[in-house]
Amino acid sequence: MRYVKPLFTVCAAAFLFCSHGFASGPSFGPFYDQFPLTLSRGERTEAAGPFYIFEQRETQQLWAVPPLFSYFRDPDLESAEFDLAYPLLTYDRYGREYRFQILQLFAFAGGQDQEGDVSRRFTLFPIYFQQRSPAPEENYTALVPIYGHLQNRLFRDEIDFVLFPLYGKSRKRDVVTWNYLYPVFHRRLGDALSGWQVWPLVGHEHKHPTTRTNIADDIEIIGGHDKFFALWPIFLDNEFGLGTDNPQRQLSVLPLFTSLRSPQRDSLTAPWPIGLTLTDDREKKYKEVGAPWPFIVFARGENRHVSRVWPLYSKAQSGGLESSFYLWPIYRHTRIHSPPLDRDRTRILFFLYSDINLRHTETGVSSKRSDFWPLFTYTRDLDQNKRLQVFSLLEPLLPNNKSIERNYSQLWSVWRSERNGKTGASSQSLLWNLYRRDVTQEKTKTSVLLGLFQREKMATGTDWKIFHIPLGKKTGKDEALK
């Protein structure tokens, strides 16, 4: 106990002196550090190693206790985000829109539509769905599989069911489908469309060609189709684009063959799915041979060139798209050239190493992202702001995920380095500020070993702290005399 009082005295003195002498905030290394942001205007406080963060970035605020929770708010944009043990529980709000969820199974959501009506949704997936709105026609309730009505859910405009799969009715745009003992029996009606099926025995659907007026007030044809199957998927006979200048017929007798015939393209695969594939694309002006497709493929034409022997080698070019690999998945490279943007990516063993470069071909401005899992992530954005983080456990797998950065990145980022491309400001941090250096146009601050040794250099001179005790300022004249 005799050491407690002296230790307390030293700590109290350190906290007392930390607010004097230096223009910036106190520095106690991993215990507590306050410093200006490098890549934007604002300030950040870190404490308890990687387990506490508070950040003020102009109008934005971030408060986090990794990996337990984080809270972000921007009053100017009327937005807020809260994560608890992400992705276990999240809450997001933007204006009057909000969503709360637990494991994507239990969720509340709501907001204002274009007419100004406020709707509220509740979901206990996949059992219970509910929406309440001032407009009665937009209300729905569904208790799966007993009884219910849904709107704009599960990729359908409307869904009604009773004792599903015994009975169900769904609508997508103008097409209505009645299901009985889903998916065995169904009947379908729509604009110039009718169909039925007894799956997997037999089924038929036909749609006549129709017309519509586009935004240029021109009449355009919407092609019809005719689909038939027997003993699905053994026999399929489908026709598409009926009434257009490129009608297509697809005939499949599996596993013997599948074929596609049209004025613009012919293709045949026998046997299916792994067999000889011959393709003659007269519209895109190329011919392709696969033996078997997609493992061994050779294509030649005006805008397409493919040579692939999987998994040994591949090189393909089609329009502005290029791709290649060697000993897949060891090395893979892709490029997209779509003026004025040019993007290329190199990957080794999927996500083990990834390098992405984006360049504006007219201005020459470029950005870059490199990930070497789990060692580091390096980024350079279009403003030429640079950032290096060591280590990087989840960032290569889930790039640009703000919740990962807020809730987890701090735990393993033992080294951080940043540089502002516009102001020239830079910073480096080792072991959660055990060593930290911040450089701005006005000053350079260095803190080492829990802030026991600190140096702040400005145009007017240099301040020193040893064991958090200010030693006074040495002016440029004093240093010159030395």
Protein backbone atom coordinates (compact mmCIF):
# COMPACT_ATOMS: atom_id res chain seq x y z
CA MET A 1 0.00 0.00 0.00
CA ARG A 2 2.93 2.33 0.51
CA TYR A 3 3.31 2.64 -3.29
CA VAL A 4 -0.31 3.60 -3.93
CA LYS A 5 -0.08 7.20 -2.75
CA PRO A 6 3.09 8.06 -4.74
CA LEU A 7 1.65 6.38 -7.83
CA PHE A 8 -1.59 8.31 -7.46
CA THR A 9 0.35 11.54 -7.04
CA VAL A 10 2.34 10.91 -10.22
CA CYS A 11 -0.80 10.10 -12.23
CA ALA A 12 -2.62 13.17 -10.92
CA ALA A 13 0.33 15.37 -11.77
CA ALA A 14 0.52 13.88 -15.25
CA PHE A 15 -3.13 14.58 -15.97
CA LEU A 16 -2.74 18.09 -14.55
CA PHE A 17 0.26 18.92 -16.70
CA CYS A 18 -1.16 17.32 -19.85
CA SER A 19 -3.47 20.29 -20.35
CA HIS A 20 -0.61 22.78 -20.23
CA GLY A 21 2.24 23.46 -22.57
CA PHE A 22 0.97 21.67 -25.69
CA ALA A 23 -1.63 23.14 -28.01
CA SER A 24 -3.05 19.70 -28.82
CA GLY A 25 -4.87 17.22 -26.58
CA PRO A 26 -3.31 14.97 -23.93
CA SER A 27 -1.35 11.86 -24.97
CA PHE A 28 -1.14 8.77 -22.78
CA GLY A 29 -0.62 6.22 -25.54
CA PRO A 30 -3.06 3.30 -25.52
CA PHE A 31 -4.62 4.56 -22.27
CA TYR A 32 -5.87 7.85 -23.71
CA ASP A 33 -4.98 9.91 -26.77
CA GLN A 34 -6.65 12.85 -28.46
CA PHE A 35 -5.51 14.01 -31.89
CA PRO A 36 -6.73 15.76 -35.06
CA LEU A 37 -8.01 13.71 -37.98
CA THR A 38 -5.65 13.40 -40.91
CA LEU A 39 -7.90 12.78 -43.91
CA SER A 40 -10.62 15.26 -42.98
CA ARG A 41 -11.38 18.08 -40.56
CA GLY A 42 -12.16 16.91 -37.05
CA GLU A 43 -10.80 15.27 -33.93
CA ARG A 44 -10.58 11.73 -32.58
CA THR A 45 -10.19 10.32 -29.08
CA GLU A 46 -9.01 6.77 -28.41
CA ALA A 47 -8.73 5.10 -25.00
CA ALA A 48 -8.27 1.70 -23.35
CA GLY A 49 -6.23 0.41 -26.27
CA PRO A 50 -8.60 -0.52 -29.10
CA PHE A 51 -11.74 -0.52 -26.93
CA TYR A 52 -12.94 3.09 -27.01
CA ILE A 53 -13.38 5.60 -29.85
CA PHE A 54 -14.97 9.02 -30.04
CA GLU A 55 -14.69 10.96 -33.29
CA GLN A 56 -15.99 14.37 -34.31
CA ARG A 57 -15.80 14.92 -38.09
CA GLU A 58 -17.35 18.30 -38.98
CA THR A 59 -21.07 17.59 -38.35
CA GLN A 60 -20.57 13.83 -37.93
CA GLN A 61 -20.04 12.01 -34.62
CA LEU A 62 -18.88 8.46 -33.96
CA TRP A 63 -18.86 6.74 -30.58
CA ALA A 64 -17.71 3.12 -30.42
CA VAL A 65 -16.65 0.45 -27.93
CA PRO A 66 -15.27 -2.26 -30.27
CA PRO A 67 -16.39 -4.98 -30.70
CA LEU A 68 -19.53 -4.43 -28.62
CA PHE A 69 -21.25 -1.47 -30.24
CA SER A 70 -20.90 1.71 -32.28
CA TYR A 71 -23.11 4.75 -32.77
CA PHE A 72 -22.80 7.18 -35.68
CA ARG A 73 -24.87 10.31 -36.31
CA ASP A 74 -24.93 13.18 -38.77
CA PRO A 75 -27.53 15.83 -37.80
CA ASP A 76 -27.12 17.71 -41.09
CA LEU A 77 -28.22 14.63 -43.05
CA GLU A 78 -30.69 13.52 -40.36
CA SER A 79 -29.00 10.12 -40.31
CA ALA A 80 -27.95 7.74 -37.54
CA GLU A 81 -26.54 4.21 -37.37
CA PHE A 82 -26.25 1.91 -34.35
CA ASP A 83 -24.62 -1.53 -34.29
CA LEU A 84 -24.62 -3.97 -31.38
CA ALA A 85 -22.32 -6.98 -31.77
CA TYR A 86 -22.52 -6.40 -35.54
CA PRO A 87 -24.21 -7.98 -37.46
CA LEU A 88 -26.36 -9.28 -34.60
CA LEU A 89 -28.35 -6.07 -34.14
CA THR A 90 -28.42 -2.91 -36.26
CA TYR A 91 -30.46 0.28 -36.41
CA ASP A 92 -30.31 2.71 -39.35
CA ARG A 93 -32.17 5.97 -39.82
CA TYR A 94 -32.12 8.45 -42.71
CA GLY A 95 -34.60 11.28 -42.47
CA ARG A 96 -37.90 9.63 -41.65
CA GLU A 97 -36.78 6.25 -42.97
CA TYR A 98 -35.63 3.73 -40.35
CA ARG A 99 -34.86 0.04 -39.97
CA PHE A 100 -34.11 -2.09 -36.91
CA GLN A 101 -33.14 -5.77 -37.24
CA ILE A 102 -31.81 -8.71 -35.25
CA LEU A 103 -30.00 -11.30 -37.39
CA GLN A 104 -32.18 -10.27 -40.38
CA LEU A 105 -34.98 -12.36 -38.81
CA PHE A 106 -36.67 -9.88 -36.46
CA ALA A 107 -37.09 -6.44 -38.02
CA PHE A 108 -38.95 -3.12 -37.72
CA ALA A 109 -38.91 -0.66 -40.62
CA GLY A 110 -40.80 2.40 -41.69
CA GLY A 111 -40.74 5.73 -43.42
CA GLN A 112 -42.52 8.18 -45.66
CA ASP A 113 -43.53 7.40 -49.23
CA GLN A 114 -43.76 9.81 -52.17
CA GLU A 115 -47.31 10.81 -51.20
CA GLY A 116 -46.19 11.71 -47.67
CA ASP A 117 -47.86 8.72 -45.97
CA VAL A 118 -45.88 7.07 -43.17
CA SER A 119 -45.85 3.28 -43.21
CA ARG A 120 -44.51 0.85 -40.60
CA ARG A 121 -43.33 -2.71 -41.19
CA PHE A 122 -42.76 -5.57 -38.77
CA THR A 123 -41.18 -8.87 -39.81
CA LEU A 124 -40.45 -12.09 -37.97
CA PHE A 125 -38.91 -13.92 -40.92
CA PRO A 126 -40.17 -16.25 -42.33
CA ILE A 127 -43.26 -16.54 -40.11
CA TYR A 128 -44.93 -13.16 -39.70
CA PHE A 129 -45.13 -10.08 -41.99
CA GLN A 130 -47.05 -6.89 -41.25
CA GLN A 131 -47.40 -3.35 -42.62
CA ARG A 132 -49.53 -0.47 -41.37
CA SER A 133 -50.14 2.71 -43.36
CA PRO A 134 -52.65 5.60 -43.42
CA ALA A 135 -53.73 4.22 -46.81
CA PRO A 136 -55.85 1.12 -45.99
CA GLU A 137 -55.10 -0.49 -49.36
CA GLU A 138 -51.41 -0.66 -48.40
CA ASN A 139 -51.98 -2.54 -45.12
CA TYR A 140 -51.19 -6.23 -44.98
CA THR A 141 -50.72 -9.07 -42.49
CA ALA A 142 -49.37 -12.55 -43.13
CA LEU A 143 -48.89 -15.51 -40.79
CA VAL A 144 -46.98 -18.14 -42.75
CA PRO A 145 -48.13 -20.75 -43.69
CA ILE A 146 -51.67 -20.27 -42.35
CA TYR A 147 -53.11 -17.16 -43.98
CA GLY A 148 -51.97 -13.81 -45.27
CA HIS A 149 -51.63 -10.99 -47.76
CA LEU A 150 -48.32 -9.35 -48.77
CA GLN A 151 -47.42 -6.35 -50.94
CA ASN A 152 -44.05 -5.66 -52.54
CA ARG A 153 -42.39 -8.52 -50.68
CA LEU A 154 -40.55 -11.66 -51.80
CA PHE A 155 -40.04 -10.29 -55.35
CA ARG A 156 -43.79 -9.99 -55.99
CA ASP A 157 -46.17 -7.01 -56.15
CA GLU A 158 -48.87 -8.93 -54.28
CA ILE A 159 -49.15 -12.35 -52.61
CA ASP A 160 -52.20 -14.07 -51.05
CA PHE A 161 -52.12 -17.53 -49.50
CA VAL A 162 -54.18 -19.92 -47.39
CA LEU A 163 -52.53 -22.95 -45.77
CA PHE A 164 -49.54 -22.56 -48.09
CA PRO A 165 -48.52 -24.58 -50.12
CA LEU A 166 -52.15 -25.69 -50.57
CA TYR A 167 -53.17 -22.35 -52.10
CA GLY A 168 -51.32 -19.23 -53.17
CA LYS A 169 -51.93 -16.31 -55.50
CA SER A 170 -49.28 -13.83 -56.62
CA ARG A 171 -49.04 -10.88 -58.98
CA LYS A 172 -45.98 -9.41 -60.68
CA ARG A 173 -46.90 -6.40 -62.81
CA ASP A 174 -49.81 -7.61 -64.99
CA VAL A 175 -49.20 -11.37 -64.58
CA VAL A 176 -51.29 -13.23 -61.98
CA THR A 177 -50.46 -16.79 -60.92
CA TRP A 178 -52.70 -19.15 -58.92
CA ASN A 179 -50.85 -22.01 -57.20
CA TYR A 180 -52.45 -25.16 -55.82
CA LEU A 181 -50.24 -27.53 -53.85
CA TYR A 182 -47.24 -25.36 -54.81
CA PRO A 183 -45.27 -25.95 -57.01
CA VAL A 184 -47.28 -28.80 -58.59
CA PHE A 185 -50.35 -27.05 -60.07
CA HIS A 186 -50.54 -23.50 -61.31
CA ARG A 187 -52.63 -21.34 -63.64
CA ARG A 188 -51.31 -18.03 -65.01
CA LEU A 189 -53.01 -15.11 -66.76
CA GLY A 190 -51.70 -11.74 -67.92
CA ASP A 191 -51.68 -9.23 -70.74
CA ALA A 192 -52.00 -11.49 -73.82
CA LEU A 193 -50.63 -14.35 -71.68
CA SER A 194 -52.03 -17.63 -70.40
CA GLY A 195 -50.42 -20.75 -69.00
CA TRP A 196 -50.78 -23.82 -66.80
CA GLN A 197 -48.64 -26.63 -65.38
CA VAL A 198 -48.78 -29.96 -63.60
CA TRP A 199 -45.19 -30.01 -62.46
CA PRO A 200 -43.01 -31.93 -63.22
CA LEU A 201 -45.22 -33.85 -65.69
CA VAL A 202 -46.31 -31.24 -68.22
CA GLY A 203 -46.81 -27.50 -68.61
CA HIS A 204 -47.50 -24.85 -71.25
CA GLU A 205 -47.47 -21.03 -71.39
CA HIS A 206 -48.10 -18.71 -74.33
CA LYS A 207 -47.83 -14.95 -74.70
CA HIS A 208 -48.84 -13.09 -77.85
CA PRO A 209 -46.67 -10.19 -79.08
CA THR A 210 -47.80 -6.81 -77.75
CA THR A 211 -46.83 -3.18 -78.32
CA ARG A 212 -46.07 -0.18 -76.13
CA THR A 213 -45.13 3.47 -76.56
CA ASN A 214 -41.65 4.34 -75.32
CA ILE A 215 -40.46 7.67 -73.89
CA ALA A 216 -39.75 8.90 -77.45
CA ASP A 217 -43.42 8.29 -78.38
CA ASP A 218 -42.39 5.48 -80.73
CA ILE A 219 -44.30 2.22 -80.94
CA GLU A 220 -42.13 -0.77 -80.05
CA ILE A 221 -42.91 -4.48 -80.10
CA ILE A 222 -42.70 -6.59 -76.95
CA GLY A 223 -41.93 -10.09 -78.13
CA GLY A 224 -44.15 -12.98 -77.22
CA HIS A 225 -43.13 -16.47 -76.11
CA ASP A 226 -44.31 -20.06 -76.11
CA LYS A 227 -43.04 -22.47 -73.44
CA PHE A 228 -43.68 -26.20 -73.12
CA PHE A 229 -42.16 -28.88 -70.90
CA ALA A 230 -42.75 -32.58 -70.33
CA LEU A 231 -41.12 -34.56 -67.53
CA TRP A 232 -39.24 -31.44 -66.47
CA PRO A 233 -36.32 -30.92 -67.00
CA ILE A 234 -35.96 -33.73 -69.55
CA PHE A 235 -37.91 -32.19 -72.42
CA LEU A 236 -38.13 -28.40 -72.94
CA ASP A 237 -39.39 -26.64 -76.06
CA ASN A 238 -39.39 -22.85 -75.77
CA GLU A 239 -39.78 -20.01 -78.25
CA PHE A 240 -38.88 -16.40 -77.42
CA GLY A 241 -39.07 -13.10 -79.29
CA LEU A 242 -42.21 -14.05 -81.22
CA GLY A 243 -43.28 -11.24 -83.51
CA THR A 244 -39.82 -9.64 -83.57
CA ASP A 245 -37.05 -9.79 -86.17
CA ASN A 246 -35.09 -12.26 -84.02
CA PRO A 247 -37.36 -15.13 -82.91
CA GLN A 248 -35.51 -17.82 -80.96
CA ARG A 249 -36.25 -21.48 -80.39
CA GLN A 250 -34.67 -23.40 -77.52
CA LEU A 251 -35.03 -27.19 -77.61
CA SER A 252 -33.64 -29.48 -74.91
CA VAL A 253 -33.75 -33.26 -74.57
CA LEU A 254 -31.60 -33.82 -71.51
CA PRO A 255 -29.03 -35.14 -71.13
CA LEU A 256 -28.72 -35.77 -74.89
CA PHE A 257 -28.58 -32.20 -76.16
CA THR A 258 -29.77 -28.60 -75.88
CA SER A 259 -29.92 -26.20 -78.81
CA LEU A 260 -30.74 -22.57 -79.59
CA ARG A 261 -31.69 -21.40 -83.08
CA SER A 262 -32.34 -17.82 -84.21
CA PRO A 263 -31.49 -15.54 -87.15
CA GLN A 264 -28.71 -13.96 -85.07
CA ARG A 265 -27.31 -16.89 -83.09
CA ASP A 266 -27.06 -20.69 -83.21
CA SER A 267 -25.75 -22.85 -80.38
CA LEU A 268 -25.67 -26.61 -79.74
CA THR A 269 -24.43 -28.58 -76.72
CA ALA A 270 -24.31 -32.39 -76.79
CA PRO A 271 -24.36 -34.04 -74.34
CA TRP A 272 -25.53 -31.54 -71.75
CA PRO A 273 -24.20 -30.05 -69.48
CA ILE A 274 -20.61 -31.19 -70.11
CA GLY A 275 -20.13 -31.89 -73.77
CA LEU A 276 -19.19 -30.34 -77.08
CA THR A 277 -20.62 -26.83 -77.53
CA LEU A 278 -20.68 -25.08 -80.91
CA THR A 279 -21.79 -21.44 -81.12
CA ASP A 280 -22.14 -19.18 -84.16
CA ASP A 281 -23.07 -15.64 -83.13
CA ARG A 282 -23.78 -13.70 -86.31
CA GLU A 283 -24.85 -10.56 -84.45
CA LYS A 284 -21.61 -10.22 -82.45
CA LYS A 285 -19.58 -11.81 -85.27
CA TYR A 286 -17.73 -14.60 -83.51
CA LYS A 287 -17.63 -18.39 -83.38
CA GLU A 288 -16.96 -20.45 -80.27
CA VAL A 289 -16.09 -24.07 -79.53
CA GLY A 290 -16.27 -25.61 -76.07
CA ALA A 291 -15.02 -29.15 -75.50
CA PRO A 292 -16.36 -29.44 -72.87
CA TRP A 293 -17.80 -26.01 -72.10
CA PRO A 294 -16.96 -24.09 -69.92
CA PHE A 295 -13.64 -25.80 -69.15
CA ILE A 296 -12.03 -25.79 -72.59
CA VAL A 297 -13.20 -22.91 -74.77
CA PHE A 298 -11.85 -21.21 -77.89
CA ALA A 299 -13.64 -18.25 -79.49
CA ARG A 300 -12.61 -16.03 -82.38
CA GLY A 301 -14.33 -12.99 -83.84
CA GLU A 302 -14.26 -9.24 -84.37
CA ASN A 303 -14.94 -8.27 -80.75
CA ARG A 304 -14.34 -11.53 -78.92
CA HIS A 305 -11.21 -13.60 -78.39
CA VAL A 306 -11.14 -16.45 -75.85
CA SER A 307 -8.57 -19.16 -75.17
CA ARG A 308 -9.29 -21.17 -72.02
CA VAL A 309 -8.00 -24.50 -70.73
CA TRP A 310 -9.28 -24.61 -67.17
CA PRO A 311 -7.66 -24.61 -64.61
CA LEU A 312 -4.30 -24.11 -66.37
CA TYR A 313 -4.73 -21.00 -68.45
CA SER A 314 -7.26 -18.50 -69.79
CA LYS A 315 -7.21 -15.24 -71.70
CA ALA A 316 -10.44 -13.60 -72.85
CA GLN A 317 -11.35 -10.29 -74.47
CA SER A 318 -14.84 -9.11 -75.33
CA GLY A 319 -15.42 -5.45 -76.12
CA GLY A 320 -14.06 -3.45 -73.20
CA LEU A 321 -13.81 -6.51 -70.93
CA GLU A 322 -10.59 -8.47 -70.46
CA SER A 323 -9.80 -11.37 -68.14
CA SER A 324 -7.06 -13.91 -67.66
CA PHE A 325 -5.93 -16.53 -65.17
CA TYR A 326 -3.06 -18.93 -64.63
CA LEU A 327 -3.42 -22.06 -62.50
CA TRP A 328 -6.85 -20.95 -61.33
CA PRO A 329 -7.45 -19.75 -58.63
CA ILE A 330 -3.80 -18.90 -57.97
CA TYR A 331 -3.67 -15.89 -60.29
CA ARG A 332 -6.52 -13.96 -61.90
CA HIS A 333 -6.66 -10.57 -63.62
CA THR A 334 -9.68 -8.63 -64.92
CA ARG A 335 -9.98 -5.29 -66.67
CA ILE A 336 -12.95 -3.11 -67.61
CA HIS A 337 -12.31 -0.33 -70.11
CA SER A 338 -15.34 1.95 -70.37
CA PRO A 339 -14.20 5.48 -71.27
CA PRO A 340 -13.57 7.65 -69.42
CA LEU A 341 -12.99 5.01 -66.71
CA ASP A 342 -10.48 2.17 -66.72
CA ARG A 343 -10.56 -0.44 -63.93
CA ASP A 344 -8.28 -3.43 -63.44
CA ARG A 345 -8.03 -5.96 -60.64
CA THR A 346 -5.44 -8.61 -59.83
CA ARG A 347 -6.26 -11.42 -57.40
CA ILE A 348 -4.25 -14.29 -55.95
CA LEU A 349 -6.11 -17.19 -54.31
CA PHE A 350 -9.44 -15.37 -54.28
CA PHE A 351 -9.09 -12.87 -51.40
CA LEU A 352 -5.55 -13.68 -50.20
CA TYR A 353 -4.25 -10.80 -52.31
CA SER A 354 -6.24 -8.22 -54.24
CA ASP A 355 -5.10 -5.10 -56.08
CA ILE A 356 -7.69 -2.74 -57.64
CA ASN A 357 -6.78 0.29 -59.77
CA LEU A 358 -9.31 2.81 -61.09
CA ARG A 359 -8.22 5.56 -63.49
CA HIS A 360 -9.97 8.41 -65.28
CA THR A 361 -8.48 8.22 -68.77
CA GLU A 362 -9.08 11.91 -69.57
CA THR A 363 -7.87 13.57 -66.36
CA GLY A 364 -5.37 10.90 -65.29
CA VAL A 365 -6.77 10.89 -61.73
CA SER A 366 -6.55 7.42 -60.20
CA SER A 367 -7.40 5.46 -57.06
CA LYS A 368 -5.98 2.23 -55.67
CA ARG A 369 -6.82 -0.45 -53.11
CA SER A 370 -4.53 -3.32 -52.13
CA ASP A 371 -5.41 -6.09 -49.66
CA PHE A 372 -3.08 -8.85 -48.48
CA TRP A 373 -5.08 -10.97 -46.08
CA PRO A 374 -4.61 -10.89 -43.12
CA LEU A 375 -1.55 -8.62 -43.19
CA PHE A 376 -2.62 -5.24 -44.55
CA THR A 377 -5.04 -3.01 -46.44
CA TYR A 378 -3.80 0.00 -48.40
CA THR A 379 -6.06 2.58 -50.05
CA ARG A 380 -5.56 5.71 -52.14
CA ASP A 381 -8.76 7.50 -53.10
CA LEU A 382 -9.45 9.90 -55.98
CA ASP A 383 -8.40 12.85 -53.77
CA GLN A 384 -5.03 11.07 -53.32
CA ASN A 385 -5.66 10.45 -49.62
CA LYS A 386 -3.60 7.43 -48.57
CA ARG A 387 -4.14 4.95 -45.74
CA LEU A 388 -2.26 1.82 -44.65
CA GLN A 389 -3.54 -0.57 -41.97
CA VAL A 390 -1.71 -3.56 -40.47
CA PHE A 391 -3.34 -6.09 -39.74
CA SER A 392 -6.52 -6.55 -41.78
CA LEU A 393 -8.63 -9.60 -40.90
CA LEU A 394 -12.10 -8.83 -42.28
CA GLU A 395 -11.56 -5.82 -44.53
CA PRO A 396 -10.32 -7.87 -47.54
CA LEU A 397 -13.39 -10.12 -47.26
CA LEU A 398 -15.90 -7.28 -46.80
CA PRO A 399 -14.35 -4.21 -48.46
CA ASN A 400 -15.84 -0.75 -47.89
CA ASN A 401 -18.04 -2.04 -45.06
CA LYS A 402 -18.40 0.88 -42.63
CA SER A 403 -19.71 -1.32 -39.82
CA ILE A 404 -16.64 -3.56 -40.02
CA GLU A 405 -14.38 -0.50 -39.84
CA ARG A 406 -16.23 0.97 -36.85
CA ASN A 407 -16.72 -2.20 -34.81
CA TYR A 408 -13.73 -4.40 -35.59
CA SER A 409 -10.86 -2.73 -37.48
CA GLN A 410 -9.56 -0.99 -34.37
CA LEU A 411 -9.02 -4.35 -32.64
CA TRP A 412 -6.27 -5.58 -34.97
CA SER A 413 -4.90 -2.42 -36.62
CA VAL A 414 -1.57 -2.39 -34.77
CA TRP A 415 -0.11 0.03 -37.33
CA ARG A 416 -1.96 2.87 -39.06
CA SER A 417 -0.53 5.38 -41.48
CA GLU A 418 -2.48 8.15 -43.23
CA ARG A 419 -1.62 11.02 -45.55
CA ASN A 420 -3.91 13.79 -46.81
CA GLY A 421 -3.43 14.37 -50.53
CA LYS A 422 -4.59 18.00 -50.42
CA THR A 423 -3.09 19.40 -47.20
CA GLY A 424 -0.03 17.16 -46.93
CA ALA A 425 -0.95 16.25 -43.33
CA SER A 426 0.11 12.78 -42.20
CA SER A 427 -0.04 10.51 -39.16
CA GLN A 428 1.38 7.21 -37.96
CA SER A 429 0.26 5.08 -35.00
CA LEU A 430 1.84 1.91 -33.58
CA LEU A 431 0.12 -0.36 -31.04
CA TRP A 432 -2.85 1.94 -30.44
CA ASN A 433 -0.76 5.09 -30.03
CA LEU A 434 2.07 3.63 -27.96
CA TYR A 435 3.97 5.54 -30.63
CA ARG A 436 2.16 8.29 -32.50
CA ARG A 437 3.25 11.03 -34.87
CA ASP A 438 1.02 13.73 -36.38
CA VAL A 439 2.25 16.17 -39.02
CA THR A 440 0.30 19.23 -40.19
CA GLN A 441 1.28 22.47 -41.89
CA GLU A 442 1.43 24.18 -38.47
CA LYS A 443 3.22 21.59 -36.33
CA THR A 444 4.66 18.11 -35.87
CA LYS A 445 3.80 16.17 -32.72
CA THR A 446 5.46 12.93 -31.62
CA SER A 447 4.48 10.82 -28.59
CA VAL A 448 6.33 7.68 -27.43
CA LEU A 449 5.80 5.13 -24.64
CA LEU A 450 2.45 6.17 -23.15
CA GLY A 451 3.31 9.79 -23.80
CA LEU A 452 6.28 9.69 -21.44
CA PHE A 453 8.33 11.34 -24.16
CA GLN A 454 6.57 13.99 -26.25
CA ARG A 455 7.79 16.55 -28.73
CA GLU A 456 5.77 19.23 -30.52
CA LYS A 457 7.54 21.31 -33.13
CA MET A 458 6.08 24.54 -34.51
CA ALA A 459 7.38 27.55 -36.39
CA THR A 460 7.80 29.44 -33.11
CA GLY A 461 9.85 26.68 -31.48
CA THR A 462 9.71 23.20 -29.97
CA ASP A 463 7.89 22.02 -26.83
CA TRP A 464 9.09 18.98 -24.88
CA LYS A 465 7.46 16.81 -22.24
CA ILE A 466 9.29 14.15 -20.25
CA PHE A 467 7.11 11.95 -18.03
CA HIS A 468 4.26 14.37 -18.91
CA ILE A 469 6.11 17.30 -17.31
CA PRO A 470 6.52 20.32 -19.64
CA LEU A 471 10.14 21.35 -19.98
CA GLY A 472 9.39 24.66 -21.63
CA LYS A 473 9.69 25.84 -25.20
CA LYS A 474 12.89 26.06 -27.17
CA THR A 475 12.72 28.74 -29.83
CA GLY A 476 14.30 28.49 -33.22
CA LYS A 477 16.98 30.90 -31.99
CA ASP A 478 17.82 28.67 -29.01
CA GLU A 479 18.16 25.62 -31.24
CA ALA A 480 20.32 27.59 -33.68
CA LEU A 481 22.71 28.58 -30.84
CA LYS A 482 23.22 24.93 -30.08
